[in-house]
């Protein structure tokens, strides 16, 4: 009896990261070997395929197939990351009808990092919970304002749409799919064999605060520059409004429109980002760091830090502390 195969297709588009394509293919191959070891030759496994636009306009062809004689249909399509800038709308055009058609037919659509921009061009991300690399937050909001973007998350599983953040998050996505189609025990053994963390990381551990400075509101931009120069001094709303030449209510409204955050949220993220830098590069106690970034109450700042970063300060330091060795 032939095993049940779930086909996972990888989309080869202009600028696709070859390492992710090959890495995902290898990860799924390791999962298949694990399945056979655990359940025998009749156990369900994965069929791996690669797809790319053909010379004939509008068509997309399979250029690699790990089980060329097998029957069945695609279960999943993955748009891997790109090391180039996110794909343009024009470059995405040949793939849009094909991707949209497969999604309508019930295929689970996945992306990694900038690959989300290709899925975005199809319109299928409108109203859906998605993520991409944190560096692309502003660009993604501009191009796909109807998507519900959250770049604090590393992987967002929204059922028939699964998106992953950073360029190396293909490992997290791959394991998530192995877990879905082959089970938790196979996923954990695959992670153990490849010496990679099982799902559980979040992108907010790694992201830096990258505020929007290209919104075109010169008054708000002036306030932003002042906030970043203020460091640990007390932030007074009336002073911000006077600097911008605006009434307080007008400042609050225009600040939220320009940056996507309230003034309070902006200041919190700015201070947390500075605290992350100090935790990585110094051995200062957290109470001192809290004071240095503008908080007199270290306990309150500890709660703010964990809410935004997803880790308590001591755990963050353990993971990301950079030890500098001074040479004589």
Protein backbone atom coordinates (compact mmCIF):
# COMPACT_ATOMS: atom_id res chain seq x y z
CA UNK A 1 0.00 0.00 0.00
CA UNK A 2 1.42 3.39 -1.03
CA UNK A 3 1.88 5.92 1.79
CA UNK A 4 -0.35 8.99 2.03
CA UNK A 5 1.59 11.94 0.62
CA UNK A 6 1.00 15.61 1.46
CA UNK A 7 2.65 17.74 -1.22
CA UNK A 8 4.45 20.90 -0.10
CA UNK A 9 5.45 23.16 -2.99
CA UNK A 10 8.17 25.82 -2.82
CA UNK A 11 7.70 28.85 -5.08
CA UNK A 12 10.81 29.96 -6.98
CA UNK A 13 10.31 33.63 -7.80
CA UNK A 14 12.84 36.32 -8.87
CA UNK A 15 15.32 36.91 -6.02
CA UNK A 16 14.27 33.90 -3.95
CA UNK A 17 16.80 32.82 -1.30
CA UNK A 18 18.28 29.55 -2.56
CA UNK A 19 19.48 28.54 0.90
CA UNK A 20 15.91 28.61 2.24
CA UNK A 21 14.58 26.57 -0.70
CA UNK A 22 17.23 23.90 -0.25
CA UNK A 23 17.04 24.07 3.55
CA UNK A 24 13.29 23.53 3.61
CA UNK A 25 13.64 20.68 1.12
CA UNK A 26 16.25 19.03 3.35
CA UNK A 27 14.19 19.61 6.52
CA UNK A 28 11.18 17.88 4.97
CA UNK A 29 13.41 15.04 3.72
CA UNK A 30 14.75 14.51 7.25
CA UNK A 31 11.17 14.49 8.54
CA UNK A 32 10.30 11.81 5.98
CA UNK A 33 13.18 9.61 7.12
CA UNK A 34 12.04 10.08 10.71
CA UNK A 35 8.51 9.03 9.75
CA UNK A 36 9.78 5.80 8.20
CA UNK A 37 11.90 5.03 11.26
CA UNK A 38 8.96 5.64 13.60
CA UNK A 39 6.07 4.26 11.55
CA UNK A 40 7.40 2.16 8.70
CA UNK A 41 7.16 2.53 4.93
CA UNK A 42 3.36 2.88 4.93
CA UNK A 43 3.33 5.91 7.27
CA UNK A 44 2.17 9.29 5.85
CA UNK A 45 4.96 11.50 4.59
CA UNK A 46 5.70 14.67 2.63
CA UNK A 47 6.12 15.14 -1.11
CA UNK A 48 8.43 18.05 -1.89
CA UNK A 49 8.16 20.07 -5.11
CA UNK A 50 9.56 23.29 -6.57
CA UNK A 51 7.53 25.57 -8.87
CA UNK A 52 8.51 28.51 -11.03
CA UNK A 53 7.00 30.66 -13.82
CA UNK A 54 7.36 29.10 -17.28
CA UNK A 55 8.42 30.87 -20.44
CA UNK A 56 4.81 30.68 -21.56
CA UNK A 57 3.20 33.75 -20.00
CA UNK A 58 0.78 32.99 -17.18
CA UNK A 59 1.82 29.39 -16.58
CA UNK A 60 3.75 27.96 -13.62
CA UNK A 61 5.50 24.59 -13.83
CA UNK A 62 6.88 22.04 -11.39
CA UNK A 63 10.67 21.89 -11.85
CA UNK A 64 11.47 19.47 -9.04
CA UNK A 65 9.46 16.62 -7.52
CA UNK A 66 10.61 14.23 -4.80
CA UNK A 67 7.89 11.75 -5.83
CA UNK A 68 7.37 12.27 -9.58
CA UNK A 69 5.09 9.28 -10.11
CA UNK A 70 2.81 9.92 -7.16
CA UNK A 71 -0.83 10.92 -7.42
CA UNK A 72 -2.48 13.70 -5.46
CA UNK A 73 -2.74 17.47 -5.26
CA UNK A 74 -0.86 20.27 -3.57
CA UNK A 75 -1.56 20.67 0.15
CA UNK A 76 0.77 23.63 0.85
CA UNK A 77 2.58 26.34 -1.11
CA UNK A 78 5.47 28.20 0.52
CA UNK A 79 6.86 31.52 -0.71
CA UNK A 80 10.44 31.49 0.70
CA UNK A 81 12.36 34.63 1.72
CA UNK A 82 14.39 36.87 -0.52
CA UNK A 83 17.73 38.51 0.26
CA UNK A 84 16.80 41.30 -2.17
CA UNK A 85 14.20 43.99 -1.58
CA UNK A 86 10.61 42.69 -1.42
CA UNK A 87 9.22 41.74 -4.80
CA UNK A 88 7.55 44.53 -6.76
CA UNK A 89 3.94 44.38 -7.89
CA UNK A 90 5.08 44.13 -11.50
CA UNK A 91 7.49 41.24 -10.87
CA UNK A 92 4.77 39.41 -8.91
CA UNK A 93 2.22 39.59 -11.72
CA UNK A 94 3.00 36.23 -13.45
CA UNK A 95 2.42 34.33 -10.19
CA UNK A 96 -0.67 36.10 -8.85
CA UNK A 97 -3.47 34.19 -10.68
CA UNK A 98 -1.76 30.85 -9.99
CA UNK A 99 -1.32 31.53 -6.28
CA UNK A 100 -4.83 32.93 -5.91
CA UNK A 101 -6.34 29.96 -7.74
CA UNK A 102 -4.59 27.43 -5.51
CA UNK A 103 -5.70 29.27 -2.38
CA UNK A 104 -9.29 29.23 -3.59
CA UNK A 105 -8.89 25.48 -4.19
CA UNK A 106 -7.98 24.92 -0.53
CA UNK A 107 -4.17 24.96 -0.63
CA UNK A 108 -2.55 26.34 2.55
CA UNK A 109 -0.48 29.40 1.64
CA UNK A 110 2.74 30.16 3.55
CA UNK A 111 5.45 32.79 3.38
CA UNK A 112 8.75 33.58 5.03
CA UNK A 113 10.11 37.10 5.57
CA UNK A 114 9.78 39.21 2.39
CA UNK A 115 7.86 36.36 0.76
CA UNK A 116 4.76 37.84 2.43
CA UNK A 117 4.86 40.67 -0.14
CA UNK A 118 4.21 38.18 -2.95
CA UNK A 119 1.22 36.75 -1.07
CA UNK A 120 0.08 40.29 -0.35
CA UNK A 121 -0.11 41.09 -4.06
CA UNK A 122 -2.70 38.32 -4.50
CA UNK A 123 -5.10 40.04 -2.09
CA UNK A 124 -5.49 36.92 0.06
CA UNK A 125 -3.89 38.60 3.10
CA UNK A 126 -6.59 41.27 3.37
CA UNK A 127 -8.11 41.06 6.83
CA UNK A 128 -5.82 38.20 7.85
CA UNK A 129 -3.35 37.99 10.75
CA UNK A 130 0.16 37.91 9.24
CA UNK A 131 3.80 38.68 9.93
CA UNK A 132 6.93 39.53 7.95
CA UNK A 133 10.43 40.74 8.86
CA UNK A 134 10.24 43.59 11.38
CA UNK A 135 12.36 45.79 9.10
CA UNK A 136 9.56 45.73 6.51
CA UNK A 137 6.79 46.85 8.89
CA UNK A 138 6.24 50.30 7.41
CA UNK A 139 6.60 49.20 3.77
CA UNK A 140 4.16 46.34 4.30
CA UNK A 141 1.59 48.61 5.97
CA UNK A 142 1.79 50.99 3.00
CA UNK A 143 1.40 48.29 0.32
CA UNK A 144 -1.13 46.10 2.12
CA UNK A 145 -3.05 48.28 4.60
CA UNK A 146 -5.91 45.76 4.94
CA UNK A 147 -3.66 42.99 6.31
CA UNK A 148 -3.51 42.68 10.11
CA UNK A 149 0.25 42.79 10.53
CA UNK A 150 2.08 41.87 13.75
CA UNK A 151 5.86 41.82 13.41
CA UNK A 152 6.38 40.97 17.08
CA UNK A 153 5.43 37.39 16.19
CA UNK A 154 7.85 35.00 14.47
CA UNK A 155 5.20 32.65 13.09
CA UNK A 156 1.48 33.35 12.76
CA UNK A 157 -0.70 30.36 11.96
CA UNK A 158 -4.01 31.71 10.66
CA UNK A 159 -5.29 28.34 9.47
CA UNK A 160 -5.02 28.34 5.68
CA UNK A 161 -2.42 31.14 5.78
CA UNK A 162 0.82 30.69 7.77
CA UNK A 163 3.45 33.45 7.74
CA UNK A 164 6.92 33.60 9.30
CA UNK A 165 9.05 36.66 10.07
CA UNK A 166 12.83 36.72 9.67
CA UNK A 167 14.86 35.26 6.82
CA UNK A 168 15.90 32.26 8.93
CA UNK A 169 12.37 31.66 10.21
CA UNK A 170 11.95 29.05 7.47
CA UNK A 171 13.15 26.56 10.10
CA UNK A 172 10.26 27.51 12.39
CA UNK A 173 7.75 27.39 9.53
CA UNK A 174 9.09 24.04 8.32
CA UNK A 175 8.78 22.48 11.77
CA UNK A 176 5.28 23.93 12.16
CA UNK A 177 4.22 22.19 8.92
CA UNK A 178 5.91 18.92 9.94
CA UNK A 179 3.95 19.07 13.18
CA UNK A 180 0.70 19.67 11.28
CA UNK A 181 1.09 16.91 8.70
CA UNK A 182 3.31 14.32 10.42
CA UNK A 183 2.76 14.90 14.13
CA UNK A 184 4.57 16.31 17.15
CA UNK A 185 6.93 13.38 17.72
CA UNK A 186 8.26 13.59 14.15
CA UNK A 187 8.62 17.37 14.46
CA UNK A 188 10.58 17.14 17.70
CA UNK A 189 12.88 14.42 16.38
CA UNK A 190 13.48 16.42 13.17
CA UNK A 191 14.42 19.46 15.27
CA UNK A 192 16.73 17.32 17.41
CA UNK A 193 18.50 15.80 14.41
CA UNK A 194 18.99 19.21 12.76
CA UNK A 195 19.94 20.85 16.09
CA UNK A 196 17.40 23.65 15.73
CA UNK A 197 14.94 25.01 18.27
CA UNK A 198 11.38 23.66 18.05
CA UNK A 199 8.67 26.33 17.58
CA UNK A 200 8.44 28.78 20.46
CA UNK A 201 10.70 31.72 19.61
CA UNK A 202 9.23 35.13 18.82
CA UNK A 203 10.47 37.86 16.48
CA UNK A 204 10.14 40.52 19.18
CA UNK A 205 13.20 38.98 20.91
CA UNK A 206 15.34 40.13 17.97
CA UNK A 207 13.65 43.21 16.51
CA UNK A 208 14.91 46.75 16.98
CA UNK A 209 12.68 49.80 17.23
CA UNK A 210 12.41 51.15 13.68
CA UNK A 211 9.95 54.08 13.79
CA UNK A 212 8.40 55.51 10.65
CA UNK A 213 10.34 58.65 9.72
CA UNK A 214 8.99 58.90 6.16
CA UNK A 215 5.40 59.91 6.86
CA UNK A 216 5.80 63.48 5.57
CA UNK A 217 4.48 65.31 8.65
CA UNK A 218 7.32 67.71 9.44
CA UNK A 219 5.89 68.79 12.82
CA UNK A 220 5.67 65.21 14.06
CA UNK A 221 9.09 64.39 12.63
CA UNK A 222 10.53 67.27 14.66
CA UNK A 223 8.98 65.78 17.82
CA UNK A 224 10.35 62.32 16.99
CA UNK A 225 13.89 63.64 16.62
CA UNK A 226 13.51 65.51 19.93
CA UNK A 227 12.28 62.34 21.69
CA UNK A 228 15.28 60.32 20.49
CA UNK A 229 17.67 63.03 21.67
CA UNK A 230 15.91 63.41 25.05
CA UNK A 231 17.14 60.01 26.31
CA UNK A 232 16.24 59.72 30.00
CA UNK A 233 14.72 63.14 30.62
CA UNK A 234 11.06 63.49 31.61
CA UNK A 235 8.73 63.62 28.59
CA UNK A 236 6.10 66.34 29.04
CA UNK A 237 3.25 66.38 26.54
CA UNK A 238 2.82 70.16 26.67
CA UNK A 239 6.49 70.63 25.73
CA UNK A 240 6.09 68.27 22.78
CA UNK A 241 3.05 70.20 21.58
CA UNK A 242 4.88 73.52 21.91
CA UNK A 243 7.84 72.12 19.97
CA UNK A 244 5.51 70.98 17.18
CA UNK A 245 3.54 74.22 17.21
CA UNK A 246 0.31 72.30 17.72
CA UNK A 247 -2.47 72.00 20.27
CA UNK A 248 -2.10 68.91 22.47
CA UNK A 249 -5.15 67.16 20.98
CA UNK A 250 -3.95 67.88 17.45
CA UNK A 251 -0.47 66.60 18.31
CA UNK A 252 -1.88 63.34 19.70
CA UNK A 253 -4.07 62.77 16.65
CA UNK A 254 -1.36 63.56 14.10
CA UNK A 255 1.31 61.59 16.00
CA UNK A 256 -0.84 58.43 15.97
CA UNK A 257 -1.65 58.90 12.28
CA UNK A 258 2.02 59.44 11.34
CA UNK A 259 3.69 56.77 13.47
CA UNK A 260 0.94 54.22 14.08
CA UNK A 261 1.49 54.60 17.85
CA UNK A 262 0.38 56.88 20.65
CA UNK A 263 3.06 59.10 22.15
CA UNK A 264 3.14 56.86 25.23
CA UNK A 265 3.61 53.68 23.19
CA UNK A 266 6.34 55.36 21.16
CA UNK A 267 8.28 56.44 24.23
CA UNK A 268 7.94 52.98 25.80
CA UNK A 269 9.32 51.24 22.71
CA UNK A 270 12.13 53.78 22.39
CA UNK A 271 13.18 53.22 26.01
CA UNK A 272 12.87 49.44 25.79
CA UNK A 273 15.09 49.47 22.71
CA UNK A 274 17.74 51.44 24.62
CA UNK A 275 17.44 49.03 27.56
CA UNK A 276 17.94 46.05 25.23
CA UNK A 277 21.16 47.64 23.98
CA UNK A 278 22.44 48.14 27.55
CA UNK A 279 21.51 44.58 28.53
CA UNK A 280 23.44 43.27 25.53
CA UNK A 281 26.57 45.36 25.98
CA UNK A 282 26.94 46.14 29.71
CA UNK A 283 26.71 44.41 33.07
CA UNK A 284 24.75 47.24 34.66
CA UNK A 285 21.99 46.07 37.04
CA UNK A 286 18.51 46.44 35.59
CA UNK A 287 17.49 49.03 38.21
CA UNK A 288 20.31 51.28 36.94
CA UNK A 289 19.34 50.62 33.31
CA UNK A 290 15.73 51.54 34.07
CA UNK A 291 16.90 54.84 35.57
CA UNK A 292 19.25 55.53 32.65
CA UNK A 293 16.47 55.16 30.07
CA UNK A 294 14.01 57.35 32.00
CA UNK A 295 12.12 55.15 34.48
CA UNK A 296 12.30 55.86 38.21
CA UNK A 297 10.28 52.72 38.96
CA UNK A 298 12.35 49.70 37.84
CA UNK A 299 9.58 47.26 38.73
CA UNK A 300 7.11 49.04 36.44
CA UNK A 301 9.68 49.18 33.64
CA UNK A 302 10.40 45.46 34.06
CA UNK A 303 6.74 44.76 33.29
CA UNK A 304 6.81 47.09 30.27
CA UNK A 305 9.99 45.40 29.01
CA UNK A 306 8.54 41.89 29.24
CA UNK A 307 5.28 42.95 27.58
CA UNK A 308 7.08 44.44 24.56
CA UNK A 309 10.04 42.04 24.22
CA UNK A 310 8.36 38.83 25.35
CA UNK A 311 11.17 37.97 27.76
CA UNK A 312 12.05 39.27 31.25
CA UNK A 313 15.23 41.40 31.31
CA UNK A 314 17.39 38.75 32.99
CA UNK A 315 16.42 36.10 30.42
CA UNK A 316 17.02 38.58 27.59
CA UNK A 317 20.54 39.29 28.91
CA UNK A 318 21.32 35.54 29.16
CA UNK A 319 20.38 35.04 25.52
CA UNK A 320 21.86 38.12 23.91
CA UNK A 321 24.71 39.44 26.06
CA UNK A 322 27.74 40.32 23.93
CA UNK A 323 31.05 39.67 25.70
CA UNK A 324 33.84 41.93 24.47
CA UNK A 325 37.42 40.82 25.02
CA UNK A 326 39.88 43.69 25.22
CA UNK A 327 43.23 42.86 23.65
CA UNK A 328 46.45 44.19 25.13
